[in-house]
Amino acid sequence: MPFKPLWLIIHVFLLVYWLGADLGVYYSSKFVVRRDLSNETRATVAKVMEAVDLSPRICLVLFLPSGISLMATDPHGVSWLSWQLATLSWVLSFGWLYMVVTQYRTHGKNPFLSKADLYIRYALIVGLIGMGLYTIIASEPFGVTTNPKWLGGKVLVYAIAIAGGVGIRKALVPFGPAFGSIMSKGSTPEAEDALTASMKRAIPWVHLIWLCVIIAAILGITKPGMKFF
């Protein structure tokens, strides 16, 4: 498959925008939970935070097909790792991306899409962890003789990053109702406590995703242990 530099640039850009936008969301979230700010200020910050949060969601989805496309440019003799597979991965990922963007626009009010998206994430977590561990453990995984254990590690941390996103979603379940109550009925200790607690539960998952993205970048650049001949 041609255009290896192009796929590499896309892959790197997705990593950069994923981590960079996530940092923006994290910083903005600190102002949303501040009780000393006016509701108008908090509502504005929440809109900014929500808009910026779309970027890491998109990057997480497209990171997989861009990686498959990159691998297809140099499959090391693996016959099934072809441009056809890469094309299929993009088609399926755009379908998943449609779900993600639609949920973003409708604020998660479509229960069918929410469940479908969650099941896709669960399936990817299980499948990618299995593939990652096999690539790390096997001496010649999928017939590759260049010691691609670094790639197995990268697949593994990508799966963990997806799991971290699921963890954030679970942690922020009380966030929407609490914030909506503050905006419509005014600040109360109960609503503020629920808002703050929800955000605190999400923070460890956020840090886990950052760590995974950084490790993925390091593994992709250094390729430790790989045989280039």
C-alpha atoms as a PDB file:
ATOM      1  CA  MET A   1       0.000   0.000   0.000  1.00  0.00           C
ATOM      2  CA  PRO A   2       1.552   3.347  -1.027  1.00  0.00           C
ATOM      3  CA  PHE A   3       1.724   6.702   0.753  1.00  0.00           C
ATOM      4  CA  LYS A   4       3.428   5.496   3.937  1.00  0.00           C
ATOM      5  CA  PRO A   5       4.593   9.043   4.869  1.00  0.00           C
ATOM      6  CA  LEU A   6       1.007  10.288   4.525  1.00  0.00           C
ATOM      7  CA  TRP A   7      -0.373   7.611   6.857  1.00  0.00           C
ATOM      8  CA  LEU A   8       2.445   8.267   9.305  1.00  0.00           C
ATOM      9  CA  ILE A   9       1.659  11.996   9.372  1.00  0.00           C
ATOM     10  CA  ILE A  10      -2.058  11.319   9.895  1.00  0.00           C
ATOM     11  CA  HIS A  11      -1.279   8.840  12.673  1.00  0.00           C
ATOM     12  CA  VAL A  12       0.995  11.316  14.458  1.00  0.00           C
ATOM     13  CA  PHE A  13      -1.468  14.192  14.057  1.00  0.00           C
ATOM     14  CA  LEU A  14      -4.202  12.087  15.642  1.00  0.00           C
ATOM     15  CA  LEU A  15      -1.966  11.463  18.652  1.00  0.00           C
ATOM     16  CA  VAL A  16      -1.139  15.153  18.967  1.00  0.00           C
ATOM     17  CA  TYR A  17      -4.727  16.375  18.715  1.00  0.00           C
ATOM     18  CA  TRP A  18      -5.933  13.597  21.001  1.00  0.00           C
ATOM     19  CA  LEU A  19      -3.614  14.531  23.859  1.00  0.00           C
ATOM     20  CA  GLY A  20      -3.676  18.287  23.237  1.00  0.00           C
ATOM     21  CA  ALA A  21      -7.460  18.567  23.166  1.00  0.00           C
ATOM     22  CA  ASP A  22      -7.744  16.324  26.217  1.00  0.00           C
ATOM     23  CA  LEU A  23      -5.523  18.723  28.141  1.00  0.00           C
ATOM     24  CA  GLY A  24      -7.828  21.580  27.125  1.00  0.00           C
ATOM     25  CA  VAL A  25     -10.891  19.687  28.325  1.00  0.00           C
ATOM     26  CA  TYR A  26      -9.186  18.856  31.606  1.00  0.00           C
ATOM     27  CA  TYR A  27      -8.194  22.465  32.254  1.00  0.00           C
ATOM     28  CA  SER A  28     -11.657  23.774  31.372  1.00  0.00           C
ATOM     29  CA  SER A  29     -13.336  21.282  33.681  1.00  0.00           C
ATOM     30  CA  LYS A  30     -11.707  22.937  36.693  1.00  0.00           C
ATOM     31  CA  PHE A  31     -13.734  26.093  36.044  1.00  0.00           C
ATOM     32  CA  VAL A  32     -17.011  24.239  35.524  1.00  0.00           C
ATOM     33  CA  VAL A  33     -16.942  22.905  39.104  1.00  0.00           C
ATOM     34  CA  ARG A  34     -15.948  26.216  40.707  1.00  0.00           C
ATOM     35  CA  ARG A  35     -18.782  27.316  42.980  1.00  0.00           C
ATOM     36  CA  ASP A  36     -17.550  30.902  43.180  1.00  0.00           C
ATOM     37  CA  LEU A  37     -18.180  31.517  39.463  1.00  0.00           C
ATOM     38  CA  SER A  38     -21.490  32.677  38.054  1.00  0.00           C
ATOM     39  CA  ASN A  39     -23.789  30.273  36.268  1.00  0.00           C
ATOM     40  CA  GLU A  40     -23.273  32.214  33.029  1.00  0.00           C
ATOM     41  CA  THR A  41     -19.492  31.794  33.244  1.00  0.00           C
ATOM     42  CA  ARG A  42     -19.751  28.108  34.085  1.00  0.00           C
ATOM     43  CA  ALA A  43     -22.212  27.503  31.265  1.00  0.00           C
ATOM     44  CA  THR A  44     -19.887  29.208  28.780  1.00  0.00           C
ATOM     45  CA  VAL A  45     -16.895  27.175  29.949  1.00  0.00           C
ATOM     46  CA  ALA A  46     -18.985  23.996  29.738  1.00  0.00           C
ATOM     47  CA  LYS A  47     -19.812  24.777  26.096  1.00  0.00           C
ATOM     48  CA  VAL A  48     -16.136  25.328  25.312  1.00  0.00           C
ATOM     49  CA  MET A  49     -15.204  22.120  27.123  1.00  0.00           C
ATOM     50  CA  GLU A  50     -17.846  20.148  25.237  1.00  0.00           C
ATOM     51  CA  ALA A  51     -16.749  21.540  21.867  1.00  0.00           C
ATOM     52  CA  VAL A  52     -13.064  20.780  22.480  1.00  0.00           C
ATOM     53  CA  ASP A  53     -13.938  17.295  23.743  1.00  0.00           C
ATOM     54  CA  LEU A  54     -15.094  16.285  20.266  1.00  0.00           C
ATOM     55  CA  SER A  55     -11.493  16.244  19.034  1.00  0.00           C
ATOM     56  CA  PRO A  56     -10.175  13.432  21.282  1.00  0.00           C
ATOM     57  CA  ARG A  57     -13.333  11.428  20.576  1.00  0.00           C
ATOM     58  CA  ILE A  58     -12.656  11.634  16.848  1.00  0.00           C
ATOM     59  CA  CYS A  59      -8.950  10.909  17.286  1.00  0.00           C
ATOM     60  CA  LEU A  60      -9.627   7.801  19.376  1.00  0.00           C
ATOM     61  CA  VAL A  61     -11.863   6.368  16.651  1.00  0.00           C
ATOM     62  CA  LEU A  62      -9.595   7.181  13.700  1.00  0.00           C
ATOM     63  CA  PHE A  63      -6.397   6.108  15.440  1.00  0.00           C
ATOM     64  CA  LEU A  64      -7.152   2.449  14.712  1.00  0.00           C
ATOM     65  CA  PRO A  65      -7.745   2.622  10.923  1.00  0.00           C
ATOM     66  CA  SER A  66      -4.810   4.996  10.483  1.00  0.00           C
ATOM     67  CA  GLY A  67      -2.623   2.485  12.309  1.00  0.00           C
ATOM     68  CA  ILE A  68      -3.883  -0.402  10.182  1.00  0.00           C
ATOM     69  CA  SER A  69      -3.244   1.647   7.037  1.00  0.00           C
ATOM     70  CA  LEU A  70       0.280   2.370   8.251  1.00  0.00           C
ATOM     71  CA  MET A  71       0.937  -1.319   8.921  1.00  0.00           C
ATOM     72  CA  ALA A  72      -0.446  -2.255   5.506  1.00  0.00           C
ATOM     73  CA  THR A  73       2.299  -0.207   3.854  1.00  0.00           C
ATOM     74  CA  ASP A  74       4.887  -2.604   5.325  1.00  0.00           C
ATOM     75  CA  PRO A  75       3.122  -5.873   6.275  1.00  0.00           C
ATOM     76  CA  HIS A  76       6.338  -7.940   6.646  1.00  0.00           C
ATOM     77  CA  GLY A  77       4.874 -10.848   4.697  1.00  0.00           C
ATOM     78  CA  VAL A  78       1.490 -10.976   6.411  1.00  0.00           C
ATOM     79  CA  SER A  79      -0.868 -11.665   3.506  1.00  0.00           C
ATOM     80  CA  TRP A  80      -4.103 -10.577   5.198  1.00  0.00           C
ATOM     81  CA  LEU A  81      -2.660  -7.182   6.188  1.00  0.00           C
ATOM     82  CA  SER A  82      -3.580  -5.550   2.878  1.00  0.00           C
ATOM     83  CA  TRP A  83      -5.030  -2.344   1.498  1.00  0.00           C
ATOM     84  CA  GLN A  84      -8.415  -4.095   1.340  1.00  0.00           C
ATOM     85  CA  LEU A  85      -8.336  -4.627   5.096  1.00  0.00           C
ATOM     86  CA  ALA A  86      -7.207  -1.034   5.623  1.00  0.00           C
ATOM     87  CA  THR A  87     -10.089   0.223   3.469  1.00  0.00           C
ATOM     88  CA  LEU A  88     -12.563  -1.917   5.391  1.00  0.00           C
ATOM     89  CA  SER A  89     -11.222  -0.561   8.681  1.00  0.00           C
ATOM     90  CA  TRP A  90     -11.873   2.997   7.492  1.00  0.00           C
ATOM     91  CA  VAL A  91     -15.429   2.143   6.388  1.00  0.00           C
ATOM     92  CA  LEU A  92     -16.236   0.538   9.743  1.00  0.00           C
ATOM     93  CA  SER A  93     -14.534   3.328  11.678  1.00  0.00           C
ATOM     94  CA  PHE A  94     -16.530   5.998   9.864  1.00  0.00           C
ATOM     95  CA  GLY A  95     -19.663   4.129  10.870  1.00  0.00           C
ATOM     96  CA  TRP A  96     -18.480   4.191  14.477  1.00  0.00           C
ATOM     97  CA  LEU A  97     -17.505   7.840  14.099  1.00  0.00           C
ATOM     98  CA  TYR A  98     -21.030   8.637  12.916  1.00  0.00           C
ATOM     99  CA  MET A  99     -22.349   7.200  16.185  1.00  0.00           C
ATOM    100  CA  VAL A 100     -19.851   9.202  18.227  1.00  0.00           C
ATOM    101  CA  VAL A 101     -20.595  12.519  16.486  1.00  0.00           C
ATOM    102  CA  THR A 102     -24.354  11.936  16.580  1.00  0.00           C
ATOM    103  CA  GLN A 103     -24.194  11.271  20.314  1.00  0.00           C
ATOM    104  CA  TYR A 104     -22.169  14.440  20.725  1.00  0.00           C
ATOM    105  CA  ARG A 105     -24.721  16.519  18.829  1.00  0.00           C
ATOM    106  CA  THR A 106     -27.712  14.989  20.626  1.00  0.00           C
ATOM    107  CA  HIS A 107     -25.979  14.982  24.025  1.00  0.00           C
ATOM    108  CA  GLY A 108     -26.292  11.210  24.267  1.00  0.00           C
ATOM    109  CA  LYS A 109     -30.079  11.201  24.074  1.00  0.00           C
ATOM    110  CA  ASN A 110     -30.234   8.321  21.590  1.00  0.00           C
ATOM    111  CA  PRO A 111     -30.184   5.174  23.766  1.00  0.00           C
ATOM    112  CA  PHE A 112     -29.672   2.828  20.811  1.00  0.00           C
ATOM    113  CA  LEU A 113     -26.550   4.630  19.597  1.00  0.00           C
ATOM    114  CA  SER A 114     -25.234   4.925  23.145  1.00  0.00           C
ATOM    115  CA  LYS A 115     -25.526   1.171  23.696  1.00  0.00           C
ATOM    116  CA  ALA A 116     -24.135   0.334  20.250  1.00  0.00           C
ATOM    117  CA  ASP A 117     -21.148   2.610  20.820  1.00  0.00           C
ATOM    118  CA  LEU A 118     -20.537   1.060  24.229  1.00  0.00           C
ATOM    119  CA  TYR A 119     -20.695  -2.485  22.853  1.00  0.00           C
ATOM    120  CA  ILE A 120     -18.238  -1.549  20.092  1.00  0.00           C
ATOM    121  CA  ARG A 121     -15.839  -0.273  22.730  1.00  0.00           C
ATOM    122  CA  TYR A 122     -16.219  -3.424  24.821  1.00  0.00           C
ATOM    123  CA  ALA A 123     -15.574  -5.619  21.775  1.00  0.00           C
ATOM    124  CA  LEU A 124     -12.509  -3.598  20.793  1.00  0.00           C
ATOM    125  CA  ILE A 125     -11.123  -3.677  24.327  1.00  0.00           C
ATOM    126  CA  VAL A 126     -11.362  -7.469  24.506  1.00  0.00           C
ATOM    127  CA  GLY A 127     -10.174  -8.062  20.932  1.00  0.00           C
ATOM    128  CA  LEU A 128      -7.285  -5.622  21.024  1.00  0.00           C
ATOM    129  CA  ILE A 129      -6.051  -6.812  24.413  1.00  0.00           C
ATOM    130  CA  GLY A 130      -6.038 -10.368  23.062  1.00  0.00           C
ATOM    131  CA  MET A 131      -4.159  -9.353  19.912  1.00  0.00           C
ATOM    132  CA  GLY A 132      -1.730  -7.190  21.864  1.00  0.00           C
ATOM    133  CA  LEU A 133      -0.881  -9.921  24.357  1.00  0.00           C
ATOM    134  CA  TYR A 134      -0.500 -12.516  21.596  1.00  0.00           C
ATOM    135  CA  THR A 135       1.862 -10.232  19.691  1.00  0.00           C
ATOM    136  CA  ILE A 136       3.942  -9.713  22.821  1.00  0.00           C
ATOM    137  CA  ILE A 137       4.025 -13.381  23.867  1.00  0.00           C
ATOM    138  CA  ALA A 138       4.371 -15.206  20.517  1.00  0.00           C
ATOM    139  CA  SER A 139       7.838 -15.555  18.991  1.00  0.00           C
ATOM    140  CA  GLU A 140       6.594 -14.857  15.461  1.00  0.00           C
ATOM    141  CA  PRO A 141       3.073 -13.420  15.820  1.00  0.00           C
ATOM    142  CA  PHE A 142       0.979 -13.725  12.656  1.00  0.00           C
ATOM    143  CA  GLY A 143       4.108 -14.869  10.816  1.00  0.00           C
ATOM    144  CA  VAL A 144       6.044 -11.650  11.406  1.00  0.00           C
ATOM    145  CA  THR A 145       9.737 -12.282  12.091  1.00  0.00           C
ATOM    146  CA  THR A 146      10.838  -8.721  12.928  1.00  0.00           C
ATOM    147  CA  ASN A 147       9.983  -8.974  16.650  1.00  0.00           C
ATOM    148  CA  PRO A 148       6.931  -6.647  16.677  1.00  0.00           C
ATOM    149  CA  LYS A 149       6.490  -6.775  20.439  1.00  0.00           C
ATOM    150  CA  TRP A 150       6.525  -2.983  20.480  1.00  0.00           C
ATOM    151  CA  LEU A 151       3.450  -3.055  18.245  1.00  0.00           C
ATOM    152  CA  GLY A 152       1.752  -5.486  20.608  1.00  0.00           C
ATOM    153  CA  GLY A 153       2.423  -3.034  23.423  1.00  0.00           C
ATOM    154  CA  LYS A 154       1.009  -0.182  21.366  1.00  0.00           C
ATOM    155  CA  VAL A 155      -2.161  -2.141  20.596  1.00  0.00           C
ATOM    156  CA  LEU A 156      -2.450  -3.011  24.273  1.00  0.00           C
ATOM    157  CA  VAL A 157      -2.226   0.575  25.515  1.00  0.00           C
ATOM    158  CA  TYR A 158      -4.710   1.669  22.837  1.00  0.00           C
ATOM    159  CA  ALA A 159      -7.167  -0.880  24.228  1.00  0.00           C
ATOM    160  CA  ILE A 160      -6.526   0.441  27.730  1.00  0.00           C
ATOM    161  CA  ALA A 161      -7.141   3.993  26.490  1.00  0.00           C
ATOM    162  CA  ILE A 162     -10.522   2.906  25.116  1.00  0.00           C
ATOM    163  CA  ALA A 163     -11.276   1.326  28.500  1.00  0.00           C
ATOM    164  CA  GLY A 164     -10.285   4.607  30.132  1.00  0.00           C
ATOM    165  CA  GLY A 165     -12.848   6.398  27.979  1.00  0.00           C
ATOM    166  CA  VAL A 166     -15.522   3.975  29.147  1.00  0.00           C
ATOM    167  CA  GLY A 167     -14.428   4.646  32.726  1.00  0.00           C
ATOM    168  CA  ILE A 168     -14.828   8.384  32.194  1.00  0.00           C
ATOM    169  CA  ARG A 169     -18.297   7.872  30.765  1.00  0.00           C
ATOM    170  CA  LYS A 170     -19.341   5.837  33.811  1.00  0.00           C
ATOM    171  CA  ALA A 171     -17.809   8.340  36.237  1.00  0.00           C
ATOM    172  CA  LEU A 172     -19.592  11.294  34.617  1.00  0.00           C
ATOM    173  CA  VAL A 173     -23.097   9.798  34.700  1.00  0.00           C
ATOM    174  CA  PRO A 174     -24.142  12.111  37.593  1.00  0.00           C
ATOM    175  CA  PHE A 175     -22.417  15.128  36.011  1.00  0.00           C
ATOM    176  CA  GLY A 176     -25.140  16.065  33.514  1.00  0.00           C
ATOM    177  CA  PRO A 177     -28.099  15.956  35.918  1.00  0.00           C
ATOM    178  CA  ALA A 178     -26.162  17.819  38.620  1.00  0.00           C
ATOM    179  CA  PHE A 179     -24.967  20.531  36.241  1.00  0.00           C
ATOM    180  CA  GLY A 180     -28.436  20.857  34.723  1.00  0.00           C
ATOM    181  CA  SER A 181     -29.922  21.274  38.175  1.00  0.00           C
ATOM    182  CA  ILE A 182     -27.436  24.030  39.030  1.00  0.00           C
ATOM    183  CA  MET A 183     -28.153  25.866  35.785  1.00  0.00           C
ATOM    184  CA  SER A 184     -31.944  25.647  36.103  1.00  0.00           C
ATOM    185  CA  LYS A 185     -32.573  25.741  39.858  1.00  0.00           C
ATOM    186  CA  GLY A 186     -29.449  27.387  41.174  1.00  0.00           C
ATOM    187  CA  SER A 187     -26.560  26.115  43.209  1.00  0.00           C
ATOM    188  CA  THR A 188     -27.245  23.727  46.093  1.00  0.00           C
ATOM    189  CA  PRO A 189     -24.729  21.837  48.243  1.00  0.00           C
ATOM    190  CA  GLU A 190     -26.101  18.500  47.052  1.00  0.00           C
ATOM    191  CA  ALA A 191     -25.820  19.347  43.343  1.00  0.00           C
ATOM    192  CA  GLU A 192     -22.384  20.918  43.755  1.00  0.00           C
ATOM    193  CA  ASP A 193     -21.099  17.922  45.704  1.00  0.00           C
ATOM    194  CA  ALA A 194     -22.421  15.519  43.059  1.00  0.00           C
ATOM    195  CA  LEU A 195     -20.785  17.587  40.313  1.00  0.00           C
ATOM    196  CA  THR A 196     -17.420  17.708  42.063  1.00  0.00           C
ATOM    197  CA  ALA A 197     -17.476  14.037  43.046  1.00  0.00           C
ATOM    198  CA  SER A 198     -18.304  12.985  39.504  1.00  0.00           C
ATOM    199  CA  MET A 199     -15.406  14.992  38.117  1.00  0.00           C
ATOM    200  CA  LYS A 200     -12.993  13.615  40.726  1.00  0.00           C
ATOM    201  CA  ARG A 201     -13.938  10.045  39.814  1.00  0.00           C
ATOM    202  CA  ALA A 202     -13.192  10.790  36.159  1.00  0.00           C
ATOM    203  CA  ILE A 203      -9.731  12.305  36.716  1.00  0.00           C
ATOM    204  CA  PRO A 204      -7.819   9.013  37.286  1.00  0.00           C
ATOM    205  CA  TRP A 205      -9.247   7.685  34.020  1.00  0.00           C
ATOM    206  CA  VAL A 206      -8.144  10.859  32.245  1.00  0.00           C
ATOM    207  CA  HIS A 207      -4.617  10.448  33.561  1.00  0.00           C
ATOM    208  CA  LEU A 208      -4.638   6.810  32.450  1.00  0.00           C
ATOM    209  CA  ILE A 209      -5.542   7.835  28.889  1.00  0.00           C
ATOM    210  CA  TRP A 210      -2.765  10.437  28.826  1.00  0.00           C
ATOM    211  CA  LEU A 211      -0.266   7.805  29.954  1.00  0.00           C
ATOM    212  CA  CYS A 212      -1.471   5.392  27.270  1.00  0.00           C
ATOM    213  CA  VAL A 213      -1.193   8.010  24.516  1.00  0.00           C
ATOM    214  CA  ILE A 214       2.328   8.935  25.622  1.00  0.00           C
ATOM    215  CA  ILE A 215       3.411   5.282  25.774  1.00  0.00           C
ATOM    216  CA  ALA A 216       1.878   4.631  22.344  1.00  0.00           C
ATOM    217  CA  ALA A 217       3.836   7.558  20.916  1.00  0.00           C
ATOM    218  CA  ILE A 218       7.099   6.360  22.477  1.00  0.00           C
ATOM    219  CA  LEU A 219       6.615   2.797  21.238  1.00  0.00           C
ATOM    220  CA  GLY A 220       5.678   3.966  17.745  1.00  0.00           C
ATOM    221  CA  ILE A 221       8.754   6.172  17.462  1.00  0.00           C
ATOM    222  CA  THR A 222      11.408   3.988  19.101  1.00  0.00           C
ATOM    223  CA  LYS A 223      10.077   0.516  18.120  1.00  0.00           C
ATOM    224  CA  PRO A 224      12.172  -1.174  20.840  1.00  0.00           C
ATOM    225  CA  GLY A 225      13.545  -4.590  19.905  1.00  0.00           C
ATOM    226  CA  MET A 226      12.395  -4.471  16.283  1.00  0.00           C
ATOM    227  CA  LYS A 227      14.560  -6.153  13.676  1.00  0.00           C
ATOM    228  CA  PHE A 228      14.872  -3.986  10.584  1.00  0.00           C
ATOM    229  CA  PHE A 229      16.344  -6.687   8.354  1.00  0.00           C
END
